[in-house]
């Protein structure tokens, strides 16, 4: 039933259902409208996923406004989330200056765990950046990258996370990129399996944003702790020279559909919103239909990257859009 029709019927029968009310148990009611029996769903239902916050949504607060990255759990709790997706680079220069020593990593883990426990939050995953290229042509460099990522696997395990997100930077030649990606991921996932940690690849630029090639890598690796992290918006395959503007973009809906069979996490990218609260560049209803059709019920992480409104406002707007879009596909 379309939303306008629903509101009209609800008005006639006076059931007073609020579309943006608080969550409640799902109910189905039958009412009589002009001698016709109409099934009305209670709109106060929980979405099919859990809400987490990607810490990258706060990167300007942390880097420009001096917000303590260890306030992540408190802020996410206040914004209505239950899960935390950490970003490794936001804890530099603290960790980088210490050479990612065992002591520095242990301190990061202890402080993060204490804050998460204090605010009753779930540590979901850690997004790893700046730790080398897992799909680089040079095997020695690739192996060094695997070793650098192992300390983050250990940290994730100590924090009760289920995964780390890695990047497949490297060759731009498809055949070489696939071969190198499979090698790097297999080596890292083999270690991560001993720690009960998943290795997830996000579509994050270059050939990793080619859904078909990305899915081929997942299929070839064929390990139960190696999967994808589909991002609704990161499908730029090639950018303009000396610019962040995208020159060549992969079809985002096709890409998410190709990656979802391997997904162990999902990222809801957002930038700008229209007057009704919908993202101007991504059809969230269509995206959530794709996600739901695969049977996914895990965390969806809010990752706001816009600049027209504040990060806090963008985070809340994206959270609300996810909830609204989920109701529209019930």
C-alpha atoms as a PDB file:
ATOM      1  CA  UNK A   1       0.000   0.000   0.000  1.00  0.00           C
ATOM      2  CA  UNK A   2       1.366   3.444  -0.859  1.00  0.00           C
ATOM      3  CA  UNK A   3       2.125   5.847   1.964  1.00  0.00           C
ATOM      4  CA  UNK A   4      -0.484   8.426   0.906  1.00  0.00           C
ATOM      5  CA  UNK A   5      -3.170   5.775   0.707  1.00  0.00           C
ATOM      6  CA  UNK A   6      -2.177   4.460   4.108  1.00  0.00           C
ATOM      7  CA  UNK A   7      -2.467   7.912   5.684  1.00  0.00           C
ATOM      8  CA  UNK A   8      -5.864   8.473   4.057  1.00  0.00           C
ATOM      9  CA  UNK A   9      -7.191   5.139   5.369  1.00  0.00           C
ATOM     10  CA  UNK A  10      -5.704   5.710   8.796  1.00  0.00           C
ATOM     11  CA  UNK A  11      -7.423   9.090   8.942  1.00  0.00           C
ATOM     12  CA  UNK A  12     -10.781   7.586   8.005  1.00  0.00           C
ATOM     13  CA  UNK A  13     -10.736   4.896  10.639  1.00  0.00           C
ATOM     14  CA  UNK A  14      -9.023   7.034  13.246  1.00  0.00           C
ATOM     15  CA  UNK A  15      -6.381   4.542  14.210  1.00  0.00           C
ATOM     16  CA  UNK A  16      -3.806   7.269  14.890  1.00  0.00           C
ATOM     17  CA  UNK A  17      -0.719   5.419  13.756  1.00  0.00           C
ATOM     18  CA  UNK A  18       2.452   7.540  13.725  1.00  0.00           C
ATOM     19  CA  UNK A  19       4.905   6.762  10.916  1.00  0.00           C
ATOM     20  CA  UNK A  20       7.880   8.010  12.886  1.00  0.00           C
ATOM     21  CA  UNK A  21       6.922   6.800  16.330  1.00  0.00           C
ATOM     22  CA  UNK A  22       9.008   4.725  18.684  1.00  0.00           C
ATOM     23  CA  UNK A  23       9.584   1.014  18.030  1.00  0.00           C
ATOM     24  CA  UNK A  24       7.010  -1.519  19.187  1.00  0.00           C
ATOM     25  CA  UNK A  25       5.965  -5.094  18.511  1.00  0.00           C
ATOM     26  CA  UNK A  26       4.623  -5.705  15.025  1.00  0.00           C
ATOM     27  CA  UNK A  27       0.855  -6.044  14.712  1.00  0.00           C
ATOM     28  CA  UNK A  28      -1.547  -6.557  11.845  1.00  0.00           C
ATOM     29  CA  UNK A  29      -5.058  -5.119  12.125  1.00  0.00           C
ATOM     30  CA  UNK A  30      -8.119  -5.557   9.931  1.00  0.00           C
ATOM     31  CA  UNK A  31     -10.519  -2.631   9.553  1.00  0.00           C
ATOM     32  CA  UNK A  32     -13.621  -2.005   7.473  1.00  0.00           C
ATOM     33  CA  UNK A  33     -13.459   0.917   5.064  1.00  0.00           C
ATOM     34  CA  UNK A  34     -16.458   1.497   2.818  1.00  0.00           C
ATOM     35  CA  UNK A  35     -17.487  -2.183   2.999  1.00  0.00           C
ATOM     36  CA  UNK A  36     -13.983  -3.345   2.076  1.00  0.00           C
ATOM     37  CA  UNK A  37     -11.651  -5.189   4.406  1.00  0.00           C
ATOM     38  CA  UNK A  38      -8.218  -3.538   4.514  1.00  0.00           C
ATOM     39  CA  UNK A  39      -5.160  -4.911   6.288  1.00  0.00           C
ATOM     40  CA  UNK A  40      -3.296  -2.153   8.113  1.00  0.00           C
ATOM     41  CA  UNK A  41       0.235  -2.789   9.408  1.00  0.00           C
ATOM     42  CA  UNK A  42       1.400  -1.145  12.578  1.00  0.00           C
ATOM     43  CA  UNK A  43       4.114   1.276  11.429  1.00  0.00           C
ATOM     44  CA  UNK A  44       5.935   1.129  14.778  1.00  0.00           C
ATOM     45  CA  UNK A  45       8.045  -1.869  13.871  1.00  0.00           C
ATOM     46  CA  UNK A  46      11.738  -2.500  14.268  1.00  0.00           C
ATOM     47  CA  UNK A  47      13.823  -2.447  11.085  1.00  0.00           C
ATOM     48  CA  UNK A  48      15.307  -5.721   9.855  1.00  0.00           C
ATOM     49  CA  UNK A  49      18.826  -4.528  10.735  1.00  0.00           C
ATOM     50  CA  UNK A  50      20.701  -3.077  13.707  1.00  0.00           C
ATOM     51  CA  UNK A  51      22.135   0.453  13.679  1.00  0.00           C
ATOM     52  CA  UNK A  52      25.849   1.131  14.047  1.00  0.00           C
ATOM     53  CA  UNK A  53      27.822   4.326  13.537  1.00  0.00           C
ATOM     54  CA  UNK A  54      30.919   4.513  11.356  1.00  0.00           C
ATOM     55  CA  UNK A  55      33.412   6.712  13.210  1.00  0.00           C
ATOM     56  CA  UNK A  56      34.383   8.325   9.900  1.00  0.00           C
ATOM     57  CA  UNK A  57      31.135  10.299  10.222  1.00  0.00           C
ATOM     58  CA  UNK A  58      32.952  12.192  13.007  1.00  0.00           C
ATOM     59  CA  UNK A  59      36.303  12.737  11.286  1.00  0.00           C
ATOM     60  CA  UNK A  60      35.900  16.519  11.019  1.00  0.00           C
ATOM     61  CA  UNK A  61      34.905  16.774  14.674  1.00  0.00           C
ATOM     62  CA  UNK A  62      38.004  14.823  15.640  1.00  0.00           C
ATOM     63  CA  UNK A  63      40.514  16.352  13.236  1.00  0.00           C
ATOM     64  CA  UNK A  64      39.279  19.932  13.057  1.00  0.00           C
ATOM     65  CA  UNK A  65      37.359  20.532  16.270  1.00  0.00           C
ATOM     66  CA  UNK A  66      39.545  18.567  18.666  1.00  0.00           C
ATOM     67  CA  UNK A  67      36.876  16.075  19.743  1.00  0.00           C
ATOM     68  CA  UNK A  68      38.433  13.145  21.603  1.00  0.00           C
ATOM     69  CA  UNK A  69      38.122   9.977  19.464  1.00  0.00           C
ATOM     70  CA  UNK A  70      37.559   8.048  22.698  1.00  0.00           C
ATOM     71  CA  UNK A  71      34.254   9.928  23.135  1.00  0.00           C
ATOM     72  CA  UNK A  72      32.942   7.838  20.228  1.00  0.00           C
ATOM     73  CA  UNK A  73      30.898   5.449  22.371  1.00  0.00           C
ATOM     74  CA  UNK A  74      29.255   8.222  24.375  1.00  0.00           C
ATOM     75  CA  UNK A  75      28.282  10.239  21.309  1.00  0.00           C
ATOM     76  CA  UNK A  76      27.024   7.221  19.361  1.00  0.00           C
ATOM     77  CA  UNK A  77      24.896   6.199  22.347  1.00  0.00           C
ATOM     78  CA  UNK A  78      23.383   9.681  22.590  1.00  0.00           C
ATOM     79  CA  UNK A  79      22.611   9.643  18.858  1.00  0.00           C
ATOM     80  CA  UNK A  80      20.621   6.430  19.149  1.00  0.00           C
ATOM     81  CA  UNK A  81      23.051   3.766  17.932  1.00  0.00           C
ATOM     82  CA  UNK A  82      23.921   0.418  19.464  1.00  0.00           C
ATOM     83  CA  UNK A  83      27.045  -0.554  17.466  1.00  0.00           C
ATOM     84  CA  UNK A  84      30.467   1.042  16.954  1.00  0.00           C
ATOM     85  CA  UNK A  85      32.592   0.903  13.779  1.00  0.00           C
ATOM     86  CA  UNK A  86      36.026   2.287  14.609  1.00  0.00           C
ATOM     87  CA  UNK A  87      38.410   3.939  12.109  1.00  0.00           C
ATOM     88  CA  UNK A  88      42.073   3.206  12.777  1.00  0.00           C
ATOM     89  CA  UNK A  89      43.500   6.413  11.292  1.00  0.00           C
ATOM     90  CA  UNK A  90      41.478   8.600  13.666  1.00  0.00           C
ATOM     91  CA  UNK A  91      43.705   7.381  16.511  1.00  0.00           C
ATOM     92  CA  UNK A  92      46.817   8.806  14.873  1.00  0.00           C
ATOM     93  CA  UNK A  93      49.195  10.427  15.690  1.00  0.00           C
ATOM     94  CA  UNK A  94      48.884   8.592  19.029  1.00  0.00           C
ATOM     95  CA  UNK A  95      49.412   5.150  17.492  1.00  0.00           C
ATOM     96  CA  UNK A  96      51.565   6.187  14.543  1.00  0.00           C
ATOM     97  CA  UNK A  97      54.063   8.061  16.702  1.00  0.00           C
ATOM     98  CA  UNK A  98      54.381   4.985  18.898  1.00  0.00           C
ATOM     99  CA  UNK A  99      55.047   2.794  15.870  1.00  0.00           C
ATOM    100  CA  UNK A 100      51.889   0.805  16.646  1.00  0.00           C
ATOM    101  CA  UNK A 101      53.771  -0.787  19.516  1.00  0.00           C
ATOM    102  CA  UNK A 102      52.177  -3.510  21.627  1.00  0.00           C
ATOM    103  CA  UNK A 103      51.836  -1.018  24.493  1.00  0.00           C
ATOM    104  CA  UNK A 104      50.133   1.603  22.294  1.00  0.00           C
ATOM    105  CA  UNK A 105      47.753  -0.929  20.762  1.00  0.00           C
ATOM    106  CA  UNK A 106      46.921  -2.363  24.186  1.00  0.00           C
ATOM    107  CA  UNK A 107      46.118   1.146  25.422  1.00  0.00           C
ATOM    108  CA  UNK A 108      43.825   1.755  22.429  1.00  0.00           C
ATOM    109  CA  UNK A 109      42.015  -1.515  23.125  1.00  0.00           C
ATOM    110  CA  UNK A 110      41.668  -0.922  26.866  1.00  0.00           C
ATOM    111  CA  UNK A 111      40.347   2.640  26.536  1.00  0.00           C
ATOM    112  CA  UNK A 112      37.937   1.715  23.738  1.00  0.00           C
ATOM    113  CA  UNK A 113      36.610  -1.276  25.651  1.00  0.00           C
ATOM    114  CA  UNK A 114      36.126   0.786  28.805  1.00  0.00           C
ATOM    115  CA  UNK A 115      34.090   3.425  26.954  1.00  0.00           C
ATOM    116  CA  UNK A 116      31.994   0.865  25.088  1.00  0.00           C
ATOM    117  CA  UNK A 117      31.209  -0.962  28.325  1.00  0.00           C
ATOM    118  CA  UNK A 118      30.428   2.271  30.149  1.00  0.00           C
ATOM    119  CA  UNK A 119      27.778   3.223  27.608  1.00  0.00           C
ATOM    120  CA  UNK A 120      26.490  -0.258  26.837  1.00  0.00           C
ATOM    121  CA  UNK A 121      27.676  -0.249  23.232  1.00  0.00           C
ATOM    122  CA  UNK A 122      28.707  -3.145  20.968  1.00  0.00           C
ATOM    123  CA  UNK A 123      32.107  -3.036  19.278  1.00  0.00           C
ATOM    124  CA  UNK A 124      31.327  -4.170  15.726  1.00  0.00           C
ATOM    125  CA  UNK A 125      34.434  -3.725  13.585  1.00  0.00           C
ATOM    126  CA  UNK A 126      37.546  -1.651  12.912  1.00  0.00           C
ATOM    127  CA  UNK A 127      38.131   0.030   9.549  1.00  0.00           C
ATOM    128  CA  UNK A 128      41.845  -0.127   8.735  1.00  0.00           C
ATOM    129  CA  UNK A 129      43.593   2.528   6.638  1.00  0.00           C
ATOM    130  CA  UNK A 130      47.195   3.501   5.990  1.00  0.00           C
ATOM    131  CA  UNK A 131      48.631   0.064   6.762  1.00  0.00           C
ATOM    132  CA  UNK A 132      49.882  -0.900   3.304  1.00  0.00           C
ATOM    133  CA  UNK A 133      48.464  -2.302   0.086  1.00  0.00           C
ATOM    134  CA  UNK A 134      47.022  -5.816   0.146  1.00  0.00           C
ATOM    135  CA  UNK A 135      46.804  -6.067  -3.649  1.00  0.00           C
ATOM    136  CA  UNK A 136      50.159  -4.553  -4.579  1.00  0.00           C
ATOM    137  CA  UNK A 137      52.232  -6.313  -7.251  1.00  0.00           C
ATOM    138  CA  UNK A 138      55.352  -6.676  -5.109  1.00  0.00           C
ATOM    139  CA  UNK A 139      54.939  -9.836  -3.033  1.00  0.00           C
ATOM    140  CA  UNK A 140      57.355  -8.692  -0.329  1.00  0.00           C
ATOM    141  CA  UNK A 141      55.385  -5.493   0.197  1.00  0.00           C
ATOM    142  CA  UNK A 142      52.142  -7.468   0.128  1.00  0.00           C
ATOM    143  CA  UNK A 143      53.425  -9.822   2.823  1.00  0.00           C
ATOM    144  CA  UNK A 144      54.555  -6.859   4.938  1.00  0.00           C
ATOM    145  CA  UNK A 145      51.048  -5.433   4.630  1.00  0.00           C
ATOM    146  CA  UNK A 146      49.562  -8.697   5.861  1.00  0.00           C
ATOM    147  CA  UNK A 147      51.861  -8.568   8.896  1.00  0.00           C
ATOM    148  CA  UNK A 148      50.851  -4.967   9.678  1.00  0.00           C
ATOM    149  CA  UNK A 149      47.201  -5.933   9.586  1.00  0.00           C
ATOM    150  CA  UNK A 150      47.676  -8.815  12.016  1.00  0.00           C
ATOM    151  CA  UNK A 151      48.006  -6.413  14.960  1.00  0.00           C
ATOM    152  CA  UNK A 152      44.601  -5.004  14.039  1.00  0.00           C
ATOM    153  CA  UNK A 153      43.152  -8.501  13.883  1.00  0.00           C
ATOM    154  CA  UNK A 154      44.461  -9.003  17.424  1.00  0.00           C
ATOM    155  CA  UNK A 155      42.975  -5.681  18.536  1.00  0.00           C
ATOM    156  CA  UNK A 156      39.588  -6.524  17.013  1.00  0.00           C
ATOM    157  CA  UNK A 157      39.578  -9.862  18.804  1.00  0.00           C
ATOM    158  CA  UNK A 158      40.430  -8.217  22.129  1.00  0.00           C
ATOM    159  CA  UNK A 159      37.594  -5.722  21.628  1.00  0.00           C
ATOM    160  CA  UNK A 160      34.953  -8.324  20.815  1.00  0.00           C
ATOM    161  CA  UNK A 161      34.573  -7.079  17.246  1.00  0.00           C
ATOM    162  CA  UNK A 162      33.587  -9.568  14.567  1.00  0.00           C
ATOM    163  CA  UNK A 163      35.728  -8.085  11.776  1.00  0.00           C
ATOM    164  CA  UNK A 164      38.234  -5.626  10.397  1.00  0.00           C
ATOM    165  CA  UNK A 165      37.681  -3.793   7.116  1.00  0.00           C
ATOM    166  CA  UNK A 166      40.655  -3.726   4.753  1.00  0.00           C
ATOM    167  CA  UNK A 167      41.398  -2.011   1.429  1.00  0.00           C
ATOM    168  CA  UNK A 168      42.497  -3.732  -1.771  1.00  0.00           C
ATOM    169  CA  UNK A 169      44.769  -1.044  -3.125  1.00  0.00           C
ATOM    170  CA  UNK A 170      47.287  -2.119  -5.748  1.00  0.00           C
ATOM    171  CA  UNK A 171      47.426  -2.987  -9.416  1.00  0.00           C
ATOM    172  CA  UNK A 172      44.986  -1.401 -11.884  1.00  0.00           C
ATOM    173  CA  UNK A 173      45.257  -4.389 -14.234  1.00  0.00           C
ATOM    174  CA  UNK A 174      42.221  -6.603 -13.494  1.00  0.00           C
ATOM    175  CA  UNK A 175      43.984  -9.966 -13.854  1.00  0.00           C
ATOM    176  CA  UNK A 176      46.912  -8.894 -11.676  1.00  0.00           C
ATOM    177  CA  UNK A 177      44.653  -7.185  -9.155  1.00  0.00           C
ATOM    178  CA  UNK A 178      42.503 -10.294  -8.730  1.00  0.00           C
ATOM    179  CA  UNK A 179      45.533 -12.561  -8.302  1.00  0.00           C
ATOM    180  CA  UNK A 180      47.220 -10.240  -5.795  1.00  0.00           C
ATOM    181  CA  UNK A 181      43.983  -9.621  -3.887  1.00  0.00           C
ATOM    182  CA  UNK A 182      43.319 -13.330  -3.505  1.00  0.00           C
ATOM    183  CA  UNK A 183      46.866 -13.890  -2.248  1.00  0.00           C
ATOM    184  CA  UNK A 184      46.806 -11.053   0.292  1.00  0.00           C
ATOM    185  CA  UNK A 185      43.324 -11.816   1.574  1.00  0.00           C
ATOM    186  CA  UNK A 186      43.939 -15.553   1.864  1.00  0.00           C
ATOM    187  CA  UNK A 187      47.077 -15.003   3.940  1.00  0.00           C
ATOM    188  CA  UNK A 188      45.412 -12.485   6.249  1.00  0.00           C
ATOM    189  CA  UNK A 189      42.144 -14.408   6.580  1.00  0.00           C
ATOM    190  CA  UNK A 190      44.064 -17.581   7.432  1.00  0.00           C
ATOM    191  CA  UNK A 191      45.611 -15.800  10.413  1.00  0.00           C
ATOM    192  CA  UNK A 192      42.347 -14.047  11.324  1.00  0.00           C
ATOM    193  CA  UNK A 193      40.534 -17.373  11.420  1.00  0.00           C
ATOM    194  CA  UNK A 194      42.628 -18.378  14.436  1.00  0.00           C
ATOM    195  CA  UNK A 195      41.262 -15.275  16.215  1.00  0.00           C
ATOM    196  CA  UNK A 196      37.656 -15.743  15.073  1.00  0.00           C
ATOM    197  CA  UNK A 197      37.810 -12.489  13.093  1.00  0.00           C
ATOM    198  CA  UNK A 198      36.377 -11.783   9.640  1.00  0.00           C
ATOM    199  CA  UNK A 199      38.331  -9.929   6.964  1.00  0.00           C
ATOM    200  CA  UNK A 200      36.024  -7.622   5.031  1.00  0.00           C
ATOM    201  CA  UNK A 201      36.664  -5.684   1.834  1.00  0.00           C
ATOM    202  CA  UNK A 202      34.789  -2.461   1.148  1.00  0.00           C
ATOM    203  CA  UNK A 203      34.251  -1.069  -2.321  1.00  0.00           C
ATOM    204  CA  UNK A 204      36.653   1.781  -1.691  1.00  0.00           C
ATOM    205  CA  UNK A 205      37.891   3.052  -5.026  1.00  0.00           C
ATOM    206  CA  UNK A 206      39.831   1.600  -7.937  1.00  0.00           C
ATOM    207  CA  UNK A 207      39.029  -1.958  -8.971  1.00  0.00           C
ATOM    208  CA  UNK A 208      37.507  -2.746  -5.560  1.00  0.00           C
ATOM    209  CA  UNK A 209      34.598  -0.539  -6.681  1.00  0.00           C
ATOM    210  CA  UNK A 210      33.971  -2.792  -9.660  1.00  0.00           C
ATOM    211  CA  UNK A 211      31.286  -5.016  -8.173  1.00  0.00           C
ATOM    212  CA  UNK A 212      31.798  -7.859 -10.636  1.00  0.00           C
ATOM    213  CA  UNK A 213      35.574  -8.057 -10.082  1.00  0.00           C
ATOM    214  CA  UNK A 214      35.199  -7.603  -6.328  1.00  0.00           C
ATOM    215  CA  UNK A 215      32.698 -10.474  -6.178  1.00  0.00           C
ATOM    216  CA  UNK A 216      35.058 -12.608  -8.259  1.00  0.00           C
ATOM    217  CA  UNK A 217      37.776 -12.094  -5.644  1.00  0.00           C
ATOM    218  CA  UNK A 218      35.405 -13.147  -2.859  1.00  0.00           C
ATOM    219  CA  UNK A 219      34.354 -16.246  -4.773  1.00  0.00           C
ATOM    220  CA  UNK A 220      37.965 -17.214  -5.486  1.00  0.00           C
ATOM    221  CA  UNK A 221      39.172 -16.743  -1.903  1.00  0.00           C
ATOM    222  CA  UNK A 222      36.240 -18.895  -0.768  1.00  0.00           C
ATOM    223  CA  UNK A 223      36.877 -18.620   2.983  1.00  0.00           C
ATOM    224  CA  UNK A 224      34.020 -18.344   5.446  1.00  0.00           C
ATOM    225  CA  UNK A 225      35.763 -15.518   7.338  1.00  0.00           C
ATOM    226  CA  UNK A 226      36.486 -13.405   4.255  1.00  0.00           C
ATOM    227  CA  UNK A 227      33.656 -11.293   2.899  1.00  0.00           C
ATOM    228  CA  UNK A 228      32.517  -7.948   1.581  1.00  0.00           C
ATOM    229  CA  UNK A 229      31.373  -4.696   3.156  1.00  0.00           C
ATOM    230  CA  UNK A 230      29.124  -3.101   0.525  1.00  0.00           C
ATOM    231  CA  UNK A 231      29.038   0.693   0.740  1.00  0.00           C
ATOM    232  CA  UNK A 232      26.040   2.409  -0.854  1.00  0.00           C
ATOM    233  CA  UNK A 233      28.149   5.185  -2.367  1.00  0.00           C
ATOM    234  CA  UNK A 234      31.786   4.181  -2.935  1.00  0.00           C
ATOM    235  CA  UNK A 235      31.568   3.079  -6.568  1.00  0.00           C
ATOM    236  CA  UNK A 236      33.935   5.513  -8.246  1.00  0.00           C
ATOM    237  CA  UNK A 237      36.344   3.456 -10.352  1.00  0.00           C
ATOM    238  CA  UNK A 238      38.329   6.387 -11.752  1.00  0.00           C
ATOM    239  CA  UNK A 239      38.665  10.019 -10.659  1.00  0.00           C
ATOM    240  CA  UNK A 240      39.567  13.079 -12.698  1.00  0.00           C
ATOM    241  CA  UNK A 241      43.299  13.984 -12.678  1.00  0.00           C
ATOM    242  CA  UNK A 242      44.240  15.957  -9.566  1.00  0.00           C
ATOM    243  CA  UNK A 243      40.622  15.982  -8.428  1.00  0.00           C
ATOM    244  CA  UNK A 244      38.235  14.077  -6.170  1.00  0.00           C
ATOM    245  CA  UNK A 245      35.521  14.366  -8.822  1.00  0.00           C
ATOM    246  CA  UNK A 246      34.521  11.003 -10.271  1.00  0.00           C
ATOM    247  CA  UNK A 247      35.286  10.353 -13.931  1.00  0.00           C
ATOM    248  CA  UNK A 248      33.950   6.798 -14.130  1.00  0.00           C
ATOM    249  CA  UNK A 249      31.406   5.296 -11.756  1.00  0.00           C
ATOM    250  CA  UNK A 250      30.127   1.727 -11.470  1.00  0.00           C
ATOM    251  CA  UNK A 251      26.361   1.273 -11.166  1.00  0.00           C
ATOM    252  CA  UNK A 252      25.883   1.443  -7.397  1.00  0.00           C
ATOM    253  CA  UNK A 253      22.722  -0.679  -7.266  1.00  0.00           C
ATOM    254  CA  UNK A 254      24.244  -3.376  -9.463  1.00  0.00           C
ATOM    255  CA  UNK A 255      27.398  -3.270  -7.350  1.00  0.00           C
ATOM    256  CA  UNK A 256      25.621  -3.665  -4.019  1.00  0.00           C
ATOM    257  CA  UNK A 257      23.556  -6.525  -5.454  1.00  0.00           C
ATOM    258  CA  UNK A 258      26.755  -8.281  -6.598  1.00  0.00           C
ATOM    259  CA  UNK A 259      28.480  -7.825  -3.222  1.00  0.00           C
ATOM    260  CA  UNK A 260      25.614  -8.636  -0.856  1.00  0.00           C
ATOM    261  CA  UNK A 261      25.938 -12.451  -1.166  1.00  0.00           C
ATOM    262  CA  UNK A 262      29.335 -12.079   0.528  1.00  0.00           C
ATOM    263  CA  UNK A 263      28.396  -9.281   2.956  1.00  0.00           C
ATOM    264  CA  UNK A 264      29.123  -9.469   6.659  1.00  0.00           C
ATOM    265  CA  UNK A 265      28.557  -5.726   7.195  1.00  0.00           C
ATOM    266  CA  UNK A 266      26.912  -2.892   5.246  1.00  0.00           C
ATOM    267  CA  UNK A 267      27.735   0.819   5.065  1.00  0.00           C
ATOM    268  CA  UNK A 268      25.031   3.436   4.466  1.00  0.00           C
ATOM    269  CA  UNK A 269      26.885   6.299   2.817  1.00  0.00           C
ATOM    270  CA  UNK A 270      25.132   9.673   2.711  1.00  0.00           C
ATOM    271  CA  UNK A 271      25.975  13.176   1.538  1.00  0.00           C
ATOM    272  CA  UNK A 272      23.099  15.566   0.918  1.00  0.00           C
ATOM    273  CA  UNK A 273      19.389  15.447   1.709  1.00  0.00           C
ATOM    274  CA  UNK A 274      16.270  16.888   0.135  1.00  0.00           C
ATOM    275  CA  UNK A 275      13.437  18.623   1.984  1.00  0.00           C
ATOM    276  CA  UNK A 276      11.787  15.272   2.796  1.00  0.00           C
ATOM    277  CA  UNK A 277      14.942  13.783   4.279  1.00  0.00           C
ATOM    278  CA  UNK A 278      15.918  11.521   1.365  1.00  0.00           C
ATOM    279  CA  UNK A 279      19.501  11.335   0.130  1.00  0.00           C
ATOM    280  CA  UNK A 280      19.783  13.237  -3.148  1.00  0.00           C
ATOM    281  CA  UNK A 281      22.204  10.791  -4.742  1.00  0.00           C
ATOM    282  CA  UNK A 282      21.219   7.376  -3.403  1.00  0.00           C
ATOM    283  CA  UNK A 283      17.806   5.729  -3.381  1.00  0.00           C
ATOM    284  CA  UNK A 284      17.790   4.269   0.137  1.00  0.00           C
ATOM    285  CA  UNK A 285      14.539   2.378  -0.403  1.00  0.00           C
ATOM    286  CA  UNK A 286      16.000   0.593  -3.418  1.00  0.00           C
ATOM    287  CA  UNK A 287      19.256  -0.105  -1.561  1.00  0.00           C
ATOM    288  CA  UNK A 288      17.497  -1.559   1.467  1.00  0.00           C
ATOM    289  CA  UNK A 289      15.346  -3.750  -0.761  1.00  0.00           C
ATOM    290  CA  UNK A 290      18.532  -5.230  -2.222  1.00  0.00           C
ATOM    291  CA  UNK A 291      20.011  -5.731   1.246  1.00  0.00           C
ATOM    292  CA  UNK A 292      16.854  -7.276   2.683  1.00  0.00           C
ATOM    293  CA  UNK A 293      16.353  -9.663  -0.244  1.00  0.00           C
ATOM    294  CA  UNK A 294      19.618 -11.413   0.659  1.00  0.00           C
ATOM    295  CA  UNK A 295      18.358 -12.126   4.182  1.00  0.00           C
ATOM    296  CA  UNK A 296      20.878  -9.781   5.810  1.00  0.00           C
ATOM    297  CA  UNK A 297      19.927  -8.821   9.386  1.00  0.00           C
ATOM    298  CA  UNK A 298      23.214  -7.549  10.799  1.00  0.00           C
ATOM    299  CA  UNK A 299      24.453  -4.029  11.468  1.00  0.00           C
ATOM    300  CA  UNK A 300      24.148  -1.247   8.913  1.00  0.00           C
ATOM    301  CA  UNK A 301      26.639   1.497   9.654  1.00  0.00           C
ATOM    302  CA  UNK A 302      25.802   5.162   9.124  1.00  0.00           C
ATOM    303  CA  UNK A 303      28.617   6.931   7.279  1.00  0.00           C
ATOM    304  CA  UNK A 304      27.811  10.582   6.638  1.00  0.00           C
ATOM    305  CA  UNK A 305      30.283  12.405   4.390  1.00  0.00           C
ATOM    306  CA  UNK A 306      28.361  15.545   3.405  1.00  0.00           C
ATOM    307  CA  UNK A 307      29.243  19.175   4.018  1.00  0.00           C
ATOM    308  CA  UNK A 308      25.953  21.077   3.635  1.00  0.00           C
ATOM    309  CA  UNK A 309      24.984  20.362   7.244  1.00  0.00           C
ATOM    310  CA  UNK A 310      27.016  19.534  10.343  1.00  0.00           C
ATOM    311  CA  UNK A 311      28.331  16.037  10.970  1.00  0.00           C
ATOM    312  CA  UNK A 312      25.960  15.595  13.908  1.00  0.00           C
ATOM    313  CA  UNK A 313      22.955  16.691  11.847  1.00  0.00           C
ATOM    314  CA  UNK A 314      24.058  14.457   8.973  1.00  0.00           C
ATOM    315  CA  UNK A 315      24.466  11.452  11.245  1.00  0.00           C
ATOM    316  CA  UNK A 316      20.975  11.910  12.675  1.00  0.00           C
ATOM    317  CA  UNK A 317      19.466  12.537   9.226  1.00  0.00           C
ATOM    318  CA  UNK A 318      21.018   9.324   7.876  1.00  0.00           C
ATOM    319  CA  UNK A 319      19.859   7.337  10.881  1.00  0.00           C
ATOM    320  CA  UNK A 320      16.318   8.598  10.425  1.00  0.00           C
ATOM    321  CA  UNK A 321      16.413   7.943   6.677  1.00  0.00           C
ATOM    322  CA  UNK A 322      17.408   4.316   7.251  1.00  0.00           C
ATOM    323  CA  UNK A 323      14.497   3.827   9.637  1.00  0.00           C
ATOM    324  CA  UNK A 324      12.037   5.556   7.309  1.00  0.00           C
ATOM    325  CA  UNK A 325      13.224   3.656   4.230  1.00  0.00           C
ATOM    326  CA  UNK A 326      12.983   0.350   6.109  1.00  0.00           C
ATOM    327  CA  UNK A 327       9.346   1.071   6.948  1.00  0.00           C
ATOM    328  CA  UNK A 328       8.579   1.808   3.308  1.00  0.00           C
ATOM    329  CA  UNK A 329       9.614  -1.680   2.224  1.00  0.00           C
ATOM    330  CA  UNK A 330       7.725  -3.558   4.975  1.00  0.00           C
END
